[in-house]
Amino acid sequence: MATTIRILFVVLLVFSSSLWGQQKEKASKLGTPVFPKLRYVNLSEELKLEHDILSGLGATVDYARRDADAATVAGQAVLLAYVEQLAGTKATSMTSIRLLKEAARIAEEQQNQEALRAIELAAERIEGAATVVAGLREKLDLLAHTRGAGEFIAYVKIENKTGRTLDIYIDGNYMGYLYAGETSVYSSHNGTTNARVFDIMGNTVKEVFFLQPEQTFTWVITP
């Protein structure tokens, strides 16, 4: 059954990818945040800790997410899992499993096997994390079949019409920021390509494109 589902998923992904290959432009609306800015969250207070073990965790996670550093996010998930065990409870704002899932998101968008290894090691120390690893392995395996052949380069041109500065990510890698009203072109491999943007408040939108070799795809971001 699982094999059948995988085959159907690949067929649907290839079909949708072929449609992307026929398009040259798409407009997307900036959505609401999908993950909080942890530097503004007092997890120690939520967990009623007597010790300041989590000092700096929020800022570390925020910077690691901006740098698309899955290993660091996974490492902070391990620290939070230890504190959850110590406190005998979990915080409402953030849990170790959710942190690990965020690391997995970064690894998935990067199609990064080294990041997968870091997440696997972290998961060994986090209760209930096996499903996160299994899901990531399956997604990376499926995406590997839709990456274009060879070393051909393709391009994503992003037009920022949101009225605010955006952080740009192509295949999960941080490409820098783009001011309001500006346009810039970013290189990528051909085939399945992940593109995502964030603003300073964490508002975000992601799209998956299938790029032909040497193709330039225009992505317009609106508020």
Protein backbone atom coordinates (compact mmCIF):
# COMPACT_ATOMS: atom_id res chain seq x y z
CA MET A 1 0.00 0.00 0.00
CA ALA A 2 2.80 2.40 0.98
CA THR A 3 4.62 1.61 -2.29
CA THR A 4 1.46 2.35 -4.28
CA ILE A 5 1.04 5.69 -2.52
CA ARG A 6 4.67 6.60 -3.27
CA ILE A 7 4.21 5.74 -6.95
CA LEU A 8 1.04 7.83 -7.17
CA PHE A 9 2.79 10.72 -5.41
CA VAL A 10 5.69 10.61 -7.87
CA VAL A 11 3.32 10.48 -10.85
CA LEU A 12 1.34 13.46 -9.54
CA LEU A 13 4.52 15.39 -8.78
CA VAL A 14 5.95 14.73 -12.23
CA PHE A 15 2.63 15.70 -13.83
CA SER A 16 2.40 18.96 -11.86
CA SER A 17 6.07 19.58 -12.57
CA SER A 18 5.45 19.27 -16.30
CA LEU A 19 2.77 21.95 -15.96
CA TRP A 20 5.25 24.19 -14.15
CA GLY A 21 7.69 23.65 -17.00
CA GLN A 22 5.12 25.13 -19.39
CA GLN A 23 4.63 28.24 -17.29
CA LYS A 24 6.97 31.21 -17.11
CA GLU A 25 5.48 33.30 -14.32
CA LYS A 26 3.45 32.96 -11.12
CA ALA A 27 2.21 35.43 -8.52
CA SER A 28 1.93 34.40 -4.85
CA LYS A 29 0.49 36.20 -1.84
CA LEU A 30 2.60 36.50 1.30
CA GLY A 31 0.99 34.33 3.98
CA THR A 32 0.92 34.41 7.76
CA PRO A 33 3.83 33.13 9.93
CA VAL A 34 4.17 29.36 10.27
CA PHE A 35 6.74 29.47 13.08
CA PRO A 36 7.18 31.97 15.94
CA LYS A 37 10.16 34.24 16.58
CA LEU A 38 11.52 32.35 19.59
CA ARG A 39 13.66 35.18 20.95
CA TYR A 40 10.39 36.79 22.05
CA VAL A 41 9.07 33.63 23.73
CA ASN A 42 9.88 32.89 27.39
CA LEU A 43 10.04 29.10 27.38
CA SER A 44 11.73 29.04 30.80
CA GLU A 45 8.69 30.73 32.32
CA GLU A 46 6.27 28.39 30.54
CA LEU A 47 8.22 25.37 31.82
CA LYS A 48 8.63 26.90 35.29
CA LEU A 49 12.38 26.27 35.29
CA GLU A 50 14.52 27.10 38.29
CA HIS A 51 17.65 27.21 36.13
CA ASP A 52 18.36 29.33 33.07
CA ILE A 53 19.24 26.34 30.88
CA LEU A 54 17.41 27.72 27.85
CA SER A 55 19.22 31.07 27.84
CA GLY A 56 19.93 31.99 24.23
CA LEU A 57 17.92 29.13 22.72
CA GLY A 58 15.38 31.45 21.11
CA ALA A 59 17.95 33.69 19.41
CA THR A 60 20.02 30.66 18.34
CA VAL A 61 17.01 29.07 16.66
CA ASP A 62 15.98 32.33 14.99
CA TYR A 63 19.45 32.89 13.53
CA ALA A 64 19.80 29.24 12.51
CA ARG A 65 16.47 29.36 10.70
CA ARG A 66 17.52 32.53 8.88
CA ASP A 67 20.79 30.85 7.87
CA ALA A 68 18.89 27.66 6.90
CA ASP A 69 21.06 25.64 9.32
CA ALA A 70 19.09 22.45 9.96
CA ALA A 71 21.76 20.86 12.17
CA THR A 72 21.74 23.76 14.64
CA VAL A 73 17.94 23.77 14.84
CA ALA A 74 18.01 20.00 15.45
CA GLY A 75 20.63 20.47 18.17
CA GLN A 76 18.45 23.02 19.95
CA ALA A 77 15.58 20.53 19.71
CA VAL A 78 17.71 18.05 21.68
CA LEU A 79 18.39 20.68 24.35
CA LEU A 80 14.69 21.47 24.62
CA ALA A 81 13.86 17.74 24.86
CA TYR A 82 16.25 17.44 27.83
CA VAL A 83 14.61 20.42 29.53
CA GLU A 84 11.15 18.97 28.88
CA GLN A 85 12.20 15.80 30.67
CA LEU A 86 13.73 17.82 33.51
CA ALA A 87 10.59 19.94 33.90
CA GLY A 88 8.25 17.00 33.47
CA THR A 89 6.11 19.01 31.06
CA LYS A 90 6.14 20.78 27.69
CA ALA A 91 5.70 24.42 26.80
CA THR A 92 2.67 25.60 24.88
CA SER A 93 4.61 27.90 22.54
CA MET A 94 7.23 25.39 21.36
CA THR A 95 8.17 21.74 21.81
CA SER A 96 11.25 19.69 20.90
CA ILE A 97 9.25 17.77 18.29
CA ARG A 98 8.12 20.97 16.60
CA LEU A 99 11.72 22.24 16.55
CA LEU A 100 12.84 18.97 14.97
CA LYS A 101 10.08 19.26 12.36
CA GLU A 102 11.38 22.74 11.50
CA ALA A 103 14.87 21.30 11.01
CA ALA A 104 13.31 18.64 8.77
CA ARG A 105 11.55 21.33 6.72
CA ILE A 106 14.88 23.03 6.05
CA ALA A 107 16.52 19.72 5.12
CA GLU A 108 13.63 18.83 2.81
CA GLU A 109 13.77 22.15 0.95
CA GLN A 110 17.55 21.79 0.60
CA GLN A 111 17.26 18.10 -0.35
CA ASN A 112 20.18 17.77 2.05
CA GLN A 113 21.39 14.29 3.05
CA GLU A 114 23.92 15.67 5.55
CA ALA A 115 21.15 17.54 7.32
CA LEU A 116 19.15 14.29 7.37
CA ARG A 117 22.00 12.66 9.29
CA ALA A 118 21.99 15.47 11.86
CA ILE A 119 18.23 15.11 12.30
CA GLU A 120 18.54 11.34 12.67
CA LEU A 121 21.08 11.78 15.49
CA ALA A 122 18.90 14.37 17.20
CA ALA A 123 15.83 12.15 16.90
CA GLU A 124 17.55 9.40 18.88
CA ARG A 125 17.40 11.75 21.87
CA ILE A 126 13.84 13.00 21.42
CA GLU A 127 10.88 10.85 22.41
CA GLY A 128 8.42 10.24 19.59
CA ALA A 129 10.70 11.66 16.88
CA ALA A 130 10.96 8.53 14.72
CA THR A 131 8.01 9.59 12.54
CA VAL A 132 9.71 12.92 11.76
CA VAL A 133 12.78 11.11 10.45
CA ALA A 134 10.75 8.55 8.50
CA GLY A 135 8.72 11.29 6.83
CA LEU A 136 11.83 13.25 5.89
CA ARG A 137 13.56 10.20 4.42
CA GLU A 138 10.53 9.45 2.25
CA LYS A 139 10.23 13.04 1.03
CA LEU A 140 13.94 13.25 0.16
CA ASP A 141 13.70 9.97 -1.72
CA LEU A 142 10.69 11.17 -3.73
CA LEU A 143 12.24 14.56 -4.51
CA ALA A 144 15.45 12.93 -5.70
CA HIS A 145 13.52 11.46 -8.62
CA THR A 146 12.31 14.87 -9.81
CA ARG A 147 15.62 16.73 -9.79
CA GLY A 148 16.77 17.55 -13.33
CA ALA A 149 19.57 15.54 -14.91
CA GLY A 150 23.10 16.85 -15.32
CA GLU A 151 24.57 20.10 -14.02
CA PHE A 152 22.33 22.43 -16.01
CA ILE A 153 21.44 25.73 -14.35
CA ALA A 154 18.05 27.42 -14.27
CA TYR A 155 16.93 30.71 -12.74
CA VAL A 156 14.17 32.15 -10.56
CA LYS A 157 13.50 35.88 -10.96
CA ILE A 158 11.74 37.29 -7.90
CA GLU A 159 9.79 40.54 -7.98
CA ASN A 160 9.10 41.94 -4.50
CA LYS A 161 5.81 43.83 -4.58
CA THR A 162 5.02 43.38 -0.87
CA GLY A 163 6.15 46.81 0.31
CA ARG A 164 8.63 45.24 2.77
CA THR A 165 12.07 43.61 2.69
CA LEU A 166 12.11 39.84 2.07
CA ASP A 167 14.63 37.12 2.92
CA ILE A 168 15.00 34.84 -0.11
CA TYR A 169 15.56 31.07 -0.07
CA ILE A 170 16.17 28.90 -3.11
CA ASP A 171 16.25 25.14 -2.46
CA GLY A 172 16.31 25.96 1.23
CA ASN A 173 19.51 28.00 0.99
CA TYR A 174 19.59 31.62 2.11
CA MET A 175 20.26 33.85 -0.91
CA GLY A 176 20.14 37.24 0.85
CA TYR A 177 17.45 39.91 1.13
CA LEU A 178 15.41 41.79 -1.44
CA TYR A 179 14.13 45.29 -0.75
CA ALA A 180 10.54 46.34 -1.48
CA GLY A 181 10.04 47.13 -5.15
CA GLU A 182 13.24 45.37 -6.21
CA THR A 183 13.74 42.45 -8.59
CA SER A 184 16.60 39.96 -8.57
CA VAL A 185 17.52 36.72 -10.35
CA TYR A 186 18.73 33.64 -8.44
CA SER A 187 20.33 30.53 -9.93
CA SER A 188 19.25 26.98 -9.22
CA HIS A 189 19.66 23.48 -10.57
CA ASN A 190 17.09 22.40 -13.15
CA GLY A 191 14.18 20.18 -12.18
CA THR A 192 12.23 20.44 -8.93
CA THR A 193 13.14 23.70 -7.19
CA ASN A 194 11.90 24.99 -3.83
CA ALA A 195 11.54 28.75 -3.39
CA ARG A 196 10.46 30.51 -0.19
CA VAL A 197 10.45 34.06 1.17
CA PHE A 198 10.08 35.51 4.68
CA ASP A 199 9.57 39.06 5.88
CA ILE A 200 10.82 40.39 9.22
CA MET A 201 7.62 39.34 10.99
CA GLY A 202 7.87 35.77 9.73
CA ASN A 203 5.14 36.08 7.09
CA THR A 204 6.02 33.60 4.39
CA VAL A 205 5.06 31.83 1.19
CA LYS A 206 6.60 28.84 -0.57
CA GLU A 207 6.30 27.53 -4.11
CA VAL A 208 7.75 24.49 -5.86
CA PHE A 209 8.75 25.00 -9.50
CA PHE A 210 9.94 22.55 -12.14
CA LEU A 211 12.59 24.41 -14.11
CA GLN A 212 13.91 23.48 -17.52
CA PRO A 213 17.68 23.91 -18.17
CA GLU A 214 18.53 27.59 -18.70
CA GLN A 215 14.91 28.59 -18.05
CA THR A 216 14.13 31.80 -16.13
CA PHE A 217 10.94 31.59 -14.10
CA THR A 218 9.42 34.83 -12.76
CA TRP A 219 7.91 34.70 -9.27
CA VAL A 220 5.95 37.80 -8.19
CA ILE A 221 5.36 38.19 -4.43
CA THR A 222 2.37 40.33 -3.43
CA PRO A 223 1.19 41.44 0.07
